[in-house]
Amino acid sequence: MPSLLLRPGVTVRLKKQPRHVPDYLVMSCESDRAWIRQSDWPQHFQLCVRVTQLSVPLLPVVQQTAT
């Protein structure tokens, strides 16, 4: 079952992806597969990977201080 965090437009990384390689953009998801591509690739160039091969980067949480 695909993760609830995976949907078109979300940026992801492959597990063990080198830091110098940019994040991938999710184009679509179906069953246990996701179609991803780099933002500078042509629209028709996509990789089909298993959802278990992906890592969704977490956004840093910003705490507000009371004034």
Protein backbone atom coordinates (compact mmCIF):
# COMPACT_ATOMS: atom_id res chain seq x y z
CA MET A 1 0.00 0.00 0.00
CA PRO A 2 1.47 3.39 -0.95
CA SER A 3 2.33 5.92 1.69
CA LEU A 4 -0.14 8.73 2.34
CA LEU A 5 2.72 11.19 1.90
CA LEU A 6 3.32 10.15 -1.71
CA ARG A 7 1.23 12.09 -4.19
CA PRO A 8 1.97 13.96 -7.42
CA GLY A 9 4.07 17.06 -6.82
CA VAL A 10 5.85 15.79 -3.68
CA THR A 11 9.65 15.72 -3.71
CA VAL A 12 11.33 12.45 -2.72
CA ARG A 13 14.76 10.89 -2.58
CA LEU A 14 15.84 7.35 -3.35
CA LYS A 15 17.13 5.46 -0.34
CA LYS A 16 20.95 5.75 -0.22
CA GLN A 17 20.84 8.51 -2.87
CA PRO A 18 24.05 10.59 -2.88
CA ARG A 19 23.61 14.09 -1.43
CA HIS A 20 24.84 15.80 -4.61
CA VAL A 21 21.95 14.33 -6.65
CA PRO A 22 18.84 16.56 -6.52
CA ASP A 23 15.48 15.37 -5.19
CA TYR A 24 13.00 13.69 -7.52
CA LEU A 25 9.47 14.88 -8.21
CA VAL A 26 6.60 12.36 -7.94
CA MET A 27 4.56 12.35 -11.15
CA SER A 28 2.05 9.61 -10.25
CA CYS A 29 1.50 6.65 -7.93
CA GLU A 30 -0.33 3.38 -8.48
CA SER A 31 -0.35 0.34 -6.24
CA ASP A 32 3.23 -0.16 -4.98
CA ARG A 33 4.86 1.91 -7.76
CA ALA A 34 5.70 5.57 -8.19
CA TRP A 35 6.78 7.40 -11.34
CA ILE A 36 9.42 10.02 -10.54
CA ARG A 37 11.63 12.41 -12.48
CA GLN A 38 14.13 15.19 -11.99
CA SER A 39 12.66 18.67 -12.42
CA ASP A 40 15.08 19.50 -15.25
CA TRP A 41 14.30 16.30 -17.20
CA PRO A 42 11.82 16.39 -20.11
CA GLN A 43 8.26 15.56 -19.02
CA HIS A 44 8.26 12.17 -20.78
CA PHE A 45 11.45 10.95 -18.98
CA GLN A 46 10.35 9.16 -15.80
CA LEU A 47 11.61 6.36 -13.57
CA CYS A 48 9.22 3.71 -12.27
CA VAL A 49 10.30 2.63 -8.78
CA ARG A 50 8.79 0.70 -5.91
CA VAL A 51 7.43 2.86 -3.09
CA THR A 52 9.73 1.03 -0.67
CA GLN A 53 12.76 2.44 -2.54
CA LEU A 54 11.76 6.03 -1.73
CA SER A 55 12.42 8.28 1.22
CA VAL A 56 10.27 11.37 1.81
CA PRO A 57 12.41 14.21 3.20
CA LEU A 58 10.93 15.69 6.35
CA LEU A 59 10.48 19.43 6.57
CA PRO A 60 12.18 21.09 9.54
CA VAL A 61 9.77 22.15 12.26
CA VAL A 62 10.06 25.80 13.23
CA GLN A 63 9.19 26.58 16.84
CA GLN A 64 7.80 30.00 17.62
CA THR A 65 8.95 31.71 20.75
CA ALA A 66 6.49 33.45 23.07
CA THR A 67 7.00 37.18 23.36
